[in-house]
Amino acid sequence: MSLNLPARRLVQTARSTTPSLHLRYLLPHTQQRSISWFNWGKSSNKQSPLTKELDKRDQQKKIFDKMQNRTAGESVFDEEIKQSDAAAADSASKPELGAGRDVGGLSKAKEHMARALDPDPRWRIRWQRRKVMQMVRSGGRMTKEQRIRLTEKELTLKSENLNTSYKKLMFLTRQISGKTLDDALTQMRYSKKKTAPEIIYLLKEARDRAVVSRGMGLGKVNGDTLDKTRKIQTKDGKWIEVRDPTSLYVDQAWVGIGQDRGLRIQYHARGRMSKMVKPSAHLTVVLKEEKTRLRQFDEKVQKEAKAKPWVHLPNRPVTAQRQHYSW
């Protein structure tokens, strides 16, 4: 089956008016290539990538100049702004040096710097006022918890929801709680449980964050190593030897219930059914340094030394005693 219209008349009609979708393929088409490799078949009247980059730099320079001119009143960064303007003038006078540099930068206007450094000034003022009131009430004295926070470091890290139940995850937390970080990693490395690799990943991430962000575990660098090995007793009654007071250990590890991952129907006899929920759980670990256990052991020894001897029958007067029954 062929089309009855002549080809010449069809082409003239298509050129004069907009062709329909089923006749558009009959129009003559010439393939064109532009500078970009991805623009084959498109028009070459568009700007080249080099021209676009130059226009973008000019636009960034206009925005940067506009933001710098908005500095209201005296500013701390007036000298730096003048230096940057002088550097920009030098780079403009020497195009061979400033041609390859990026014009864009951060604004040093007073209102912009205030938004970045002090986004909520009213909250900061209330917080400072509350802290001053606390210091005045206490007379400048710090509590025991505040002194411990100033001298000892710790890190708390929580994992994402794991594809397991909190009952199964609880047994793994008991294996790592109270152990050194190396022993906890060894326990999870040789564990046959499915969630053990997830705990290894969490412990390694907590170790890296503690070293980088808190400066923990750097006793050999800071010179905090002990002269001799100390033998202390942990909370669970085990005796361990401590050589480096800044080495990391897992102080606490607990499990929380996460969101349900879905449910499915479980069918029973006599046409009954129930739903089975796929649970999830998350793990939280607290890493501390060995100096914390050294302090706790010393406090325990001092408390036992100050305790009075236990007396089975204390020497006190007997009261509320009668010779006969009261009934």
C-alpha atoms as a PDB file:
ATOM      1  CA  MET A   1       0.000   0.000   0.000  1.00  0.00           C
ATOM      2  CA  SER A   2       1.500   3.356  -1.089  1.00  0.00           C
ATOM      3  CA  LEU A   3       0.724   7.007  -0.581  1.00  0.00           C
ATOM      4  CA  ASN A   4      -1.289   8.547  -3.437  1.00  0.00           C
ATOM      5  CA  LEU A   5       0.095  12.110  -3.093  1.00  0.00           C
ATOM      6  CA  PRO A   6       3.001  13.099  -5.365  1.00  0.00           C
ATOM      7  CA  ALA A   7       6.367  13.452  -3.680  1.00  0.00           C
ATOM      8  CA  ARG A   8       7.065  16.994  -4.990  1.00  0.00           C
ATOM      9  CA  ARG A   9       3.692  18.330  -3.829  1.00  0.00           C
ATOM     10  CA  LEU A  10       4.177  16.652  -0.462  1.00  0.00           C
ATOM     11  CA  VAL A  11       7.564  18.269   0.053  1.00  0.00           C
ATOM     12  CA  GLN A  12       6.242  21.747  -0.895  1.00  0.00           C
ATOM     13  CA  THR A  13       3.308  21.376   1.474  1.00  0.00           C
ATOM     14  CA  ALA A  14       5.617  20.261   4.252  1.00  0.00           C
ATOM     15  CA  ARG A  15       7.881  23.278   3.729  1.00  0.00           C
ATOM     16  CA  SER A  16       5.049  25.799   3.672  1.00  0.00           C
ATOM     17  CA  THR A  17       3.144  24.475   6.692  1.00  0.00           C
ATOM     18  CA  THR A  18       4.031  22.535   9.802  1.00  0.00           C
ATOM     19  CA  PRO A  19       4.023  18.820   8.909  1.00  0.00           C
ATOM     20  CA  SER A  20       2.180  16.238  10.900  1.00  0.00           C
ATOM     21  CA  LEU A  21       3.996  13.687  12.996  1.00  0.00           C
ATOM     22  CA  HIS A  22       3.632  10.817  10.516  1.00  0.00           C
ATOM     23  CA  LEU A  23       4.900  12.989   7.585  1.00  0.00           C
ATOM     24  CA  ARG A  24       7.780  14.761   9.339  1.00  0.00           C
ATOM     25  CA  TYR A  25      10.268  12.044   8.402  1.00  0.00           C
ATOM     26  CA  LEU A  26       9.875  12.975   4.697  1.00  0.00           C
ATOM     27  CA  LEU A  27      11.473  16.406   5.166  1.00  0.00           C
ATOM     28  CA  PRO A  28      15.129  16.808   4.095  1.00  0.00           C
ATOM     29  CA  HIS A  29      17.454  16.716   7.090  1.00  0.00           C
ATOM     30  CA  THR A  30      21.131  17.653   7.185  1.00  0.00           C
ATOM     31  CA  GLN A  31      23.307  16.527  10.080  1.00  0.00           C
ATOM     32  CA  GLN A  32      25.305  19.308  11.762  1.00  0.00           C
ATOM     33  CA  ARG A  33      28.100  19.100  14.308  1.00  0.00           C
ATOM     34  CA  SER A  34      29.104  21.723  16.848  1.00  0.00           C
ATOM     35  CA  ILE A  35      32.238  22.067  18.978  1.00  0.00           C
ATOM     36  CA  SER A  36      30.925  19.848  21.752  1.00  0.00           C
ATOM     37  CA  TRP A  37      30.976  16.110  21.088  1.00  0.00           C
ATOM     38  CA  PHE A  38      27.573  15.716  22.739  1.00  0.00           C
ATOM     39  CA  ASN A  39      25.780  18.217  20.442  1.00  0.00           C
ATOM     40  CA  TRP A  40      25.788  16.208  17.204  1.00  0.00           C
ATOM     41  CA  GLY A  41      22.792  16.915  15.049  1.00  0.00           C
ATOM     42  CA  LYS A  42      21.989  20.188  16.852  1.00  0.00           C
ATOM     43  CA  SER A  43      22.431  23.733  15.711  1.00  0.00           C
ATOM     44  CA  SER A  44      25.911  25.258  15.930  1.00  0.00           C
ATOM     45  CA  ASN A  45      24.625  28.758  16.686  1.00  0.00           C
ATOM     46  CA  LYS A  46      24.968  28.192  20.450  1.00  0.00           C
ATOM     47  CA  GLN A  47      27.903  29.510  22.424  1.00  0.00           C
ATOM     48  CA  SER A  48      31.024  27.463  22.780  1.00  0.00           C
ATOM     49  CA  PRO A  49      32.117  26.134  26.210  1.00  0.00           C
ATOM     50  CA  LEU A  50      34.923  28.711  26.343  1.00  0.00           C
ATOM     51  CA  THR A  51      32.484  31.582  25.785  1.00  0.00           C
ATOM     52  CA  LYS A  52      30.140  30.193  28.446  1.00  0.00           C
ATOM     53  CA  GLU A  53      32.984  29.985  30.947  1.00  0.00           C
ATOM     54  CA  LEU A  54      34.024  33.584  30.275  1.00  0.00           C
ATOM     55  CA  ASP A  55      30.433  34.818  30.663  1.00  0.00           C
ATOM     56  CA  LYS A  56      30.136  32.866  33.910  1.00  0.00           C
ATOM     57  CA  ARG A  57      33.317  34.447  35.276  1.00  0.00           C
ATOM     58  CA  ASP A  58      32.117  37.916  34.338  1.00  0.00           C
ATOM     59  CA  GLN A  59      28.809  37.289  36.110  1.00  0.00           C
ATOM     60  CA  GLN A  60      30.604  36.005  39.222  1.00  0.00           C
ATOM     61  CA  LYS A  61      32.867  39.066  39.228  1.00  0.00           C
ATOM     62  CA  LYS A  62      29.853  41.398  39.032  1.00  0.00           C
ATOM     63  CA  ILE A  63      28.160  39.623  41.942  1.00  0.00           C
ATOM     64  CA  PHE A  64      31.379  39.651  43.984  1.00  0.00           C
ATOM     65  CA  ASP A  65      31.917  43.387  43.395  1.00  0.00           C
ATOM     66  CA  LYS A  66      28.309  44.111  44.303  1.00  0.00           C
ATOM     67  CA  MET A  67      28.587  42.160  47.553  1.00  0.00           C
ATOM     68  CA  GLN A  68      31.852  43.851  48.500  1.00  0.00           C
ATOM     69  CA  ASN A  69      30.422  47.319  47.892  1.00  0.00           C
ATOM     70  CA  ARG A  70      27.599  46.564  50.352  1.00  0.00           C
ATOM     71  CA  THR A  71      29.899  46.821  53.381  1.00  0.00           C
ATOM     72  CA  ALA A  72      28.109  49.257  55.673  1.00  0.00           C
ATOM     73  CA  GLY A  73      30.168  51.377  58.084  1.00  0.00           C
ATOM     74  CA  GLU A  74      33.443  50.349  59.631  1.00  0.00           C
ATOM     75  CA  SER A  75      34.278  46.662  59.365  1.00  0.00           C
ATOM     76  CA  VAL A  76      36.983  44.451  60.800  1.00  0.00           C
ATOM     77  CA  PHE A  77      37.822  43.276  57.297  1.00  0.00           C
ATOM     78  CA  ASP A  78      38.345  46.708  55.703  1.00  0.00           C
ATOM     79  CA  GLU A  79      42.064  46.143  55.299  1.00  0.00           C
ATOM     80  CA  GLU A  80      41.549  42.711  53.782  1.00  0.00           C
ATOM     81  CA  ILE A  81      38.947  44.104  51.383  1.00  0.00           C
ATOM     82  CA  LYS A  82      41.379  46.801  50.263  1.00  0.00           C
ATOM     83  CA  GLN A  83      44.109  44.209  49.795  1.00  0.00           C
ATOM     84  CA  SER A  84      41.797  41.995  47.743  1.00  0.00           C
ATOM     85  CA  ASP A  85      40.810  45.010  45.596  1.00  0.00           C
ATOM     86  CA  ALA A  86      44.470  45.819  45.023  1.00  0.00           C
ATOM     87  CA  ALA A  87      45.193  42.195  44.115  1.00  0.00           C
ATOM     88  CA  ALA A  88      42.249  42.192  41.705  1.00  0.00           C
ATOM     89  CA  ALA A  89      43.553  45.392  40.076  1.00  0.00           C
ATOM     90  CA  ASP A  90      47.016  43.851  39.714  1.00  0.00           C
ATOM     91  CA  SER A  91      45.557  40.705  38.171  1.00  0.00           C
ATOM     92  CA  ALA A  92      43.499  42.848  35.770  1.00  0.00           C
ATOM     93  CA  SER A  93      46.611  44.750  34.714  1.00  0.00           C
ATOM     94  CA  LYS A  94      48.402  41.423  34.149  1.00  0.00           C
ATOM     95  CA  PRO A  95      45.984  39.206  32.212  1.00  0.00           C
ATOM     96  CA  GLU A  96      48.537  36.460  31.784  1.00  0.00           C
ATOM     97  CA  LEU A  97      48.591  35.929  35.565  1.00  0.00           C
ATOM     98  CA  GLY A  98      44.906  36.387  36.334  1.00  0.00           C
ATOM     99  CA  ALA A  99      43.374  34.696  33.332  1.00  0.00           C
ATOM    100  CA  GLY A 100      43.321  31.251  34.879  1.00  0.00           C
ATOM    101  CA  ARG A 101      42.102  32.287  38.328  1.00  0.00           C
ATOM    102  CA  ASP A 102      38.574  31.966  39.602  1.00  0.00           C
ATOM    103  CA  VAL A 103      36.936  35.289  40.409  1.00  0.00           C
ATOM    104  CA  GLY A 104      34.297  33.941  42.777  1.00  0.00           C
ATOM    105  CA  GLY A 105      34.767  34.126  46.545  1.00  0.00           C
ATOM    106  CA  LEU A 106      33.060  34.563  49.922  1.00  0.00           C
ATOM    107  CA  SER A 107      31.423  37.822  50.910  1.00  0.00           C
ATOM    108  CA  LYS A 108      33.058  39.800  53.705  1.00  0.00           C
ATOM    109  CA  ALA A 109      30.194  42.207  54.198  1.00  0.00           C
ATOM    110  CA  LYS A 110      29.238  42.877  57.797  1.00  0.00           C
ATOM    111  CA  GLU A 111      25.691  41.524  57.540  1.00  0.00           C
ATOM    112  CA  HIS A 112      26.821  38.394  55.687  1.00  0.00           C
ATOM    113  CA  MET A 113      29.570  37.620  58.205  1.00  0.00           C
ATOM    114  CA  ALA A 114      27.103  38.100  61.064  1.00  0.00           C
ATOM    115  CA  ARG A 115      24.709  35.583  59.522  1.00  0.00           C
ATOM    116  CA  ALA A 116      27.470  33.019  59.202  1.00  0.00           C
ATOM    117  CA  LEU A 117      29.149  33.510  62.598  1.00  0.00           C
ATOM    118  CA  ASP A 118      26.131  34.388  64.757  1.00  0.00           C
ATOM    119  CA  PRO A 119      22.933  33.084  63.128  1.00  0.00           C
ATOM    120  CA  ASP A 120      20.805  33.396  66.312  1.00  0.00           C
ATOM    121  CA  PRO A 121      22.124  36.251  68.487  1.00  0.00           C
ATOM    122  CA  ARG A 122      19.184  36.207  70.903  1.00  0.00           C
ATOM    123  CA  TRP A 123      19.782  32.540  71.728  1.00  0.00           C
ATOM    124  CA  ARG A 124      23.519  33.226  72.267  1.00  0.00           C
ATOM    125  CA  ILE A 125      22.751  36.095  74.667  1.00  0.00           C
ATOM    126  CA  ARG A 126      20.308  33.940  76.683  1.00  0.00           C
ATOM    127  CA  TRP A 127      22.818  31.087  76.841  1.00  0.00           C
ATOM    128  CA  GLN A 128      25.628  33.364  78.052  1.00  0.00           C
ATOM    129  CA  ARG A 129      23.342  34.934  80.652  1.00  0.00           C
ATOM    130  CA  ARG A 130      22.307  31.513  81.947  1.00  0.00           C
ATOM    131  CA  LYS A 131      25.925  30.358  82.208  1.00  0.00           C
ATOM    132  CA  VAL A 132      26.934  33.519  84.096  1.00  0.00           C
ATOM    133  CA  MET A 133      24.080  33.000  86.552  1.00  0.00           C
ATOM    134  CA  GLN A 134      25.183  29.409  87.143  1.00  0.00           C
ATOM    135  CA  MET A 135      28.765  30.490  87.826  1.00  0.00           C
ATOM    136  CA  VAL A 136      27.603  33.206  90.252  1.00  0.00           C
ATOM    137  CA  ARG A 137      25.412  30.760  92.179  1.00  0.00           C
ATOM    138  CA  SER A 138      28.174  28.174  92.479  1.00  0.00           C
ATOM    139  CA  GLY A 139      30.812  30.757  93.386  1.00  0.00           C
ATOM    140  CA  GLY A 140      33.083  29.611  90.561  1.00  0.00           C
ATOM    141  CA  ARG A 141      33.261  26.062  91.912  1.00  0.00           C
ATOM    142  CA  MET A 142      32.867  23.143  89.505  1.00  0.00           C
ATOM    143  CA  THR A 143      31.083  19.916  90.240  1.00  0.00           C
ATOM    144  CA  LYS A 144      32.730  16.522  90.045  1.00  0.00           C
ATOM    145  CA  GLU A 145      31.073  15.756  86.689  1.00  0.00           C
ATOM    146  CA  GLN A 146      32.349  19.024  85.203  1.00  0.00           C
ATOM    147  CA  ARG A 147      35.901  18.312  86.355  1.00  0.00           C
ATOM    148  CA  ILE A 148      35.720  14.811  84.864  1.00  0.00           C
ATOM    149  CA  ARG A 149      34.489  16.191  81.534  1.00  0.00           C
ATOM    150  CA  LEU A 150      37.399  18.627  81.433  1.00  0.00           C
ATOM    151  CA  THR A 151      40.050  15.988  82.139  1.00  0.00           C
ATOM    152  CA  GLU A 152      38.645  12.840  80.497  1.00  0.00           C
ATOM    153  CA  LYS A 153      37.419  12.284  76.943  1.00  0.00           C
ATOM    154  CA  GLU A 154      34.689  10.101  75.543  1.00  0.00           C
ATOM    155  CA  LEU A 155      32.823   9.505  72.298  1.00  0.00           C
ATOM    156  CA  THR A 156      29.274   8.268  71.742  1.00  0.00           C
ATOM    157  CA  LEU A 157      28.247   6.881  68.361  1.00  0.00           C
ATOM    158  CA  LYS A 158      24.937   5.420  67.263  1.00  0.00           C
ATOM    159  CA  SER A 159      24.518   3.109  64.286  1.00  0.00           C
ATOM    160  CA  GLU A 160      21.771   3.045  61.701  1.00  0.00           C
ATOM    161  CA  ASN A 161      18.865   0.642  61.900  1.00  0.00           C
ATOM    162  CA  LEU A 162      20.198  -2.873  61.343  1.00  0.00           C
ATOM    163  CA  ASN A 163      18.234  -5.730  59.831  1.00  0.00           C
ATOM    164  CA  THR A 164      17.965  -7.720  63.027  1.00  0.00           C
ATOM    165  CA  SER A 165      15.997  -7.787  66.259  1.00  0.00           C
ATOM    166  CA  TYR A 166      17.098  -6.199  69.499  1.00  0.00           C
ATOM    167  CA  LYS A 167      17.066  -9.587  71.240  1.00  0.00           C
ATOM    168  CA  LYS A 168      19.669 -11.004  68.840  1.00  0.00           C
ATOM    169  CA  LEU A 169      21.759  -7.853  68.903  1.00  0.00           C
ATOM    170  CA  MET A 170      21.776  -7.776  72.692  1.00  0.00           C
ATOM    171  CA  PHE A 171      24.009 -10.863  72.941  1.00  0.00           C
ATOM    172  CA  LEU A 172      26.644  -9.242  70.722  1.00  0.00           C
ATOM    173  CA  THR A 173      26.719  -6.090  72.843  1.00  0.00           C
ATOM    174  CA  ARG A 174      27.447  -8.207  75.914  1.00  0.00           C
ATOM    175  CA  GLN A 175      30.530  -9.573  74.177  1.00  0.00           C
ATOM    176  CA  ILE A 176      32.078  -6.155  73.528  1.00  0.00           C
ATOM    177  CA  SER A 177      30.980  -4.171  76.603  1.00  0.00           C
ATOM    178  CA  GLY A 178      33.852  -3.565  79.015  1.00  0.00           C
ATOM    179  CA  LYS A 179      36.556  -4.875  76.655  1.00  0.00           C
ATOM    180  CA  THR A 180      39.347  -2.970  75.000  1.00  0.00           C
ATOM    181  CA  LEU A 181      38.769  -1.891  71.434  1.00  0.00           C
ATOM    182  CA  ASP A 182      41.175  -4.469  70.020  1.00  0.00           C
ATOM    183  CA  ASP A 183      39.561  -7.292  71.993  1.00  0.00           C
ATOM    184  CA  ALA A 184      36.077  -6.179  70.892  1.00  0.00           C
ATOM    185  CA  LEU A 185      37.138  -6.159  67.241  1.00  0.00           C
ATOM    186  CA  THR A 186      38.668  -9.627  67.653  1.00  0.00           C
ATOM    187  CA  GLN A 187      35.467 -10.955  69.213  1.00  0.00           C
ATOM    188  CA  MET A 188      33.349  -9.674  66.327  1.00  0.00           C
ATOM    189  CA  ARG A 189      35.834 -10.778  63.677  1.00  0.00           C
ATOM    190  CA  TYR A 190      35.542 -14.420  64.689  1.00  0.00           C
ATOM    191  CA  SER A 191      31.830 -14.308  65.478  1.00  0.00           C
ATOM    192  CA  LYS A 192      29.447 -16.358  63.327  1.00  0.00           C
ATOM    193  CA  LYS A 193      26.552 -13.957  63.798  1.00  0.00           C
ATOM    194  CA  LYS A 194      25.157 -12.171  60.767  1.00  0.00           C
ATOM    195  CA  THR A 195      25.330  -8.702  62.343  1.00  0.00           C
ATOM    196  CA  ALA A 196      28.964  -8.990  63.488  1.00  0.00           C
ATOM    197  CA  PRO A 197      30.382  -7.177  60.389  1.00  0.00           C
ATOM    198  CA  GLU A 198      28.047  -4.248  61.056  1.00  0.00           C
ATOM    199  CA  ILE A 199      29.378  -3.939  64.609  1.00  0.00           C
ATOM    200  CA  ILE A 200      32.958  -4.091  63.309  1.00  0.00           C
ATOM    201  CA  TYR A 201      32.174  -1.196  60.950  1.00  0.00           C
ATOM    202  CA  LEU A 202      30.620   0.807  63.821  1.00  0.00           C
ATOM    203  CA  LEU A 203      33.593   0.209  66.137  1.00  0.00           C
ATOM    204  CA  LYS A 204      36.104   1.242  63.474  1.00  0.00           C
ATOM    205  CA  GLU A 205      34.129   4.386  62.670  1.00  0.00           C
ATOM    206  CA  ALA A 206      33.940   5.266  66.379  1.00  0.00           C
ATOM    207  CA  ARG A 207      37.692   4.689  66.727  1.00  0.00           C
ATOM    208  CA  ASP A 208      38.491   6.971  63.760  1.00  0.00           C
ATOM    209  CA  ARG A 209      36.201   9.717  65.022  1.00  0.00           C
ATOM    210  CA  ALA A 210      37.659   9.504  68.523  1.00  0.00           C
ATOM    211  CA  VAL A 211      41.210   9.857  67.211  1.00  0.00           C
ATOM    212  CA  VAL A 212      40.489  12.641  64.712  1.00  0.00           C
ATOM    213  CA  SER A 213      37.849  14.782  66.430  1.00  0.00           C
ATOM    214  CA  ARG A 214      38.600  14.190  70.142  1.00  0.00           C
ATOM    215  CA  GLY A 215      42.316  13.443  70.136  1.00  0.00           C
ATOM    216  CA  MET A 216      41.875  10.151  71.981  1.00  0.00           C
ATOM    217  CA  GLY A 217      44.321   7.285  71.850  1.00  0.00           C
ATOM    218  CA  LEU A 218      47.397   9.509  71.354  1.00  0.00           C
ATOM    219  CA  GLY A 219      49.262   8.720  74.582  1.00  0.00           C
ATOM    220  CA  LYS A 220      52.543   7.867  72.904  1.00  0.00           C
ATOM    221  CA  VAL A 221      52.495  11.199  71.085  1.00  0.00           C
ATOM    222  CA  ASN A 222      51.610  13.290  74.148  1.00  0.00           C
ATOM    223  CA  GLY A 223      53.888  11.340  76.487  1.00  0.00           C
ATOM    224  CA  ASP A 224      51.103  10.086  78.770  1.00  0.00           C
ATOM    225  CA  THR A 225      52.388   6.525  79.010  1.00  0.00           C
ATOM    226  CA  LEU A 226      52.844   4.952  82.428  1.00  0.00           C
ATOM    227  CA  ASP A 227      56.236   4.172  83.914  1.00  0.00           C
ATOM    228  CA  LYS A 228      55.121   0.661  84.775  1.00  0.00           C
ATOM    229  CA  THR A 229      52.138  -1.529  84.089  1.00  0.00           C
ATOM    230  CA  ARG A 230      49.225  -1.139  86.492  1.00  0.00           C
ATOM    231  CA  LYS A 231      46.859  -3.918  87.402  1.00  0.00           C
ATOM    232  CA  ILE A 232      43.278  -2.850  88.051  1.00  0.00           C
ATOM    233  CA  GLN A 233      39.921  -4.512  88.548  1.00  0.00           C
ATOM    234  CA  THR A 234      37.022  -3.751  86.215  1.00  0.00           C
ATOM    235  CA  LYS A 235      33.348  -3.434  87.077  1.00  0.00           C
ATOM    236  CA  ASP A 236      32.637  -7.092  86.328  1.00  0.00           C
ATOM    237  CA  GLY A 237      35.407  -8.222  88.706  1.00  0.00           C
ATOM    238  CA  LYS A 238      38.109  -9.093  86.155  1.00  0.00           C
ATOM    239  CA  TRP A 239      41.728  -8.034  86.651  1.00  0.00           C
ATOM    240  CA  ILE A 240      43.480  -6.412  83.677  1.00  0.00           C
ATOM    241  CA  GLU A 241      46.850  -4.777  83.039  1.00  0.00           C
ATOM    242  CA  VAL A 242      47.007  -1.204  81.740  1.00  0.00           C
ATOM    243  CA  ARG A 243      50.129   0.074  79.989  1.00  0.00           C
ATOM    244  CA  ASP A 244      48.804   3.081  78.064  1.00  0.00           C
ATOM    245  CA  PRO A 245      46.252   5.253  79.939  1.00  0.00           C
ATOM    246  CA  THR A 246      44.988   6.736  76.637  1.00  0.00           C
ATOM    247  CA  SER A 247      44.166   3.435  74.937  1.00  0.00           C
ATOM    248  CA  LEU A 248      40.499   3.044  74.002  1.00  0.00           C
ATOM    249  CA  TYR A 249      37.966   0.636  75.445  1.00  0.00           C
ATOM    250  CA  VAL A 250      34.202   0.120  75.118  1.00  0.00           C
ATOM    251  CA  ASP A 251      32.707   1.551  78.283  1.00  0.00           C
ATOM    252  CA  GLN A 252      29.031   1.026  77.383  1.00  0.00           C
ATOM    253  CA  ALA A 253      27.059  -0.636  74.606  1.00  0.00           C
ATOM    254  CA  TRP A 254      23.295  -0.822  74.460  1.00  0.00           C
ATOM    255  CA  VAL A 255      20.577  -1.652  71.935  1.00  0.00           C
ATOM    256  CA  GLY A 256      17.468   0.255  70.887  1.00  0.00           C
ATOM    257  CA  ILE A 257      14.386  -0.755  68.911  1.00  0.00           C
ATOM    258  CA  GLY A 258      14.223   0.683  65.384  1.00  0.00           C
ATOM    259  CA  GLN A 259      11.419   1.103  62.887  1.00  0.00           C
ATOM    260  CA  ASP A 260       9.693  -1.919  61.402  1.00  0.00           C
ATOM    261  CA  ARG A 261      10.980  -2.934  57.968  1.00  0.00           C
ATOM    262  CA  GLY A 262       7.664  -4.362  56.842  1.00  0.00           C
ATOM    263  CA  LEU A 263       5.238  -7.133  57.626  1.00  0.00           C
ATOM    264  CA  ARG A 264       3.728 -10.197  56.049  1.00  0.00           C
ATOM    265  CA  ILE A 265       0.745 -12.380  56.800  1.00  0.00           C
ATOM    266  CA  GLN A 266       1.161 -15.716  58.536  1.00  0.00           C
ATOM    267  CA  TYR A 267      -1.682 -18.150  57.903  1.00  0.00           C
ATOM    268  CA  HIS A 268      -2.975 -20.512  60.577  1.00  0.00           C
ATOM    269  CA  ALA A 269      -5.510 -23.286  60.733  1.00  0.00           C
ATOM    270  CA  ARG A 270      -9.266 -22.779  60.498  1.00  0.00           C
ATOM    271  CA  GLY A 271      -8.893 -19.735  58.254  1.00  0.00           C
ATOM    272  CA  ARG A 272      -7.141 -17.596  60.822  1.00  0.00           C
ATOM    273  CA  MET A 273      -4.152 -15.356  60.196  1.00  0.00           C
ATOM    274  CA  SER A 274      -1.746 -13.061  61.972  1.00  0.00           C
ATOM    275  CA  LYS A 275       0.903 -10.529  60.953  1.00  0.00           C
ATOM    276  CA  MET A 276       4.645 -11.065  61.208  1.00  0.00           C
ATOM    277  CA  VAL A 277       6.677  -7.857  61.557  1.00  0.00           C
ATOM    278  CA  LYS A 278      10.257  -7.637  60.326  1.00  0.00           C
ATOM    279  CA  PRO A 279      12.092  -5.835  63.155  1.00  0.00           C
ATOM    280  CA  SER A 280      15.157  -3.585  63.157  1.00  0.00           C
ATOM    281  CA  ALA A 281      17.467  -2.412  65.905  1.00  0.00           C
ATOM    282  CA  HIS A 282      20.277   0.106  66.370  1.00  0.00           C
ATOM    283  CA  LEU A 283      23.421  -0.071  68.472  1.00  0.00           C
ATOM    284  CA  THR A 284      25.066   2.673  70.539  1.00  0.00           C
ATOM    285  CA  VAL A 285      28.623   2.470  71.863  1.00  0.00           C
ATOM    286  CA  VAL A 286      30.574   4.739  74.216  1.00  0.00           C
ATOM    287  CA  LEU A 287      34.359   4.793  73.871  1.00  0.00           C
ATOM    288  CA  LYS A 288      36.570   6.051  76.700  1.00  0.00           C
ATOM    289  CA  GLU A 289      40.238   6.021  77.603  1.00  0.00           C
ATOM    290  CA  GLU A 290      41.861   3.760  80.177  1.00  0.00           C
ATOM    291  CA  LYS A 291      42.525   6.720  82.466  1.00  0.00           C
ATOM    292  CA  THR A 292      38.808   6.612  83.293  1.00  0.00           C
ATOM    293  CA  ARG A 293      39.088   3.039  84.602  1.00  0.00           C
ATOM    294  CA  LEU A 294      42.237   3.975  86.513  1.00  0.00           C
ATOM    295  CA  ARG A 295      40.361   6.791  88.253  1.00  0.00           C
ATOM    296  CA  GLN A 296      37.386   4.558  89.038  1.00  0.00           C
ATOM    297  CA  PHE A 297      39.648   1.881  90.512  1.00  0.00           C
ATOM    298  CA  ASP A 298      41.490   4.428  92.678  1.00  0.00           C
ATOM    299  CA  GLU A 299      38.200   5.855  93.950  1.00  0.00           C
ATOM    300  CA  LYS A 300      36.974   2.372  94.783  1.00  0.00           C
ATOM    301  CA  VAL A 301      40.145   1.609  96.775  1.00  0.00           C
ATOM    302  CA  GLN A 302      39.926   4.906  98.660  1.00  0.00           C
ATOM    303  CA  LYS A 303      36.264   4.315  99.469  1.00  0.00           C
ATOM    304  CA  GLU A 304      37.016   0.859 100.842  1.00  0.00           C
ATOM    305  CA  ALA A 305      39.883   2.278 102.932  1.00  0.00           C
ATOM    306  CA  LYS A 306      37.644   4.969 104.468  1.00  0.00           C
ATOM    307  CA  ALA A 307      34.812   2.564 105.249  1.00  0.00           C
ATOM    308  CA  LYS A 308      34.277   1.717 108.922  1.00  0.00           C
ATOM    309  CA  PRO A 309      34.504  -1.901 110.039  1.00  0.00           C
ATOM    310  CA  TRP A 310      31.259  -3.802 109.952  1.00  0.00           C
ATOM    311  CA  VAL A 311      29.870  -4.786 113.359  1.00  0.00           C
ATOM    312  CA  HIS A 312      27.438  -7.665 113.629  1.00  0.00           C
ATOM    313  CA  LEU A 313      25.778  -6.454 116.882  1.00  0.00           C
ATOM    314  CA  PRO A 314      26.128  -2.700 117.251  1.00  0.00           C
ATOM    315  CA  ASN A 315      26.253  -1.224 120.731  1.00  0.00           C
ATOM    316  CA  ARG A 316      22.996   0.686 120.910  1.00  0.00           C
ATOM    317  CA  PRO A 317      20.146   0.723 123.470  1.00  0.00           C
ATOM    318  CA  VAL A 318      17.310  -1.684 122.942  1.00  0.00           C
ATOM    319  CA  THR A 319      13.968   0.136 122.586  1.00  0.00           C
ATOM    320  CA  ALA A 320      10.372  -0.884 121.901  1.00  0.00           C
ATOM    321  CA  GLN A 321      10.900  -4.244 123.630  1.00  0.00           C
ATOM    322  CA  ARG A 322       8.404  -5.799 126.096  1.00  0.00           C
ATOM    323  CA  GLN A 323       8.599  -8.782 128.366  1.00  0.00           C
ATOM    324  CA  HIS A 324       5.270 -10.251 127.273  1.00  0.00           C
ATOM    325  CA  TYR A 325       3.263 -10.219 124.079  1.00  0.00           C
ATOM    326  CA  SER A 326       0.988  -7.251 123.516  1.00  0.00           C
ATOM    327  CA  TRP A 327      -2.014  -9.255 122.411  1.00  0.00           C
END
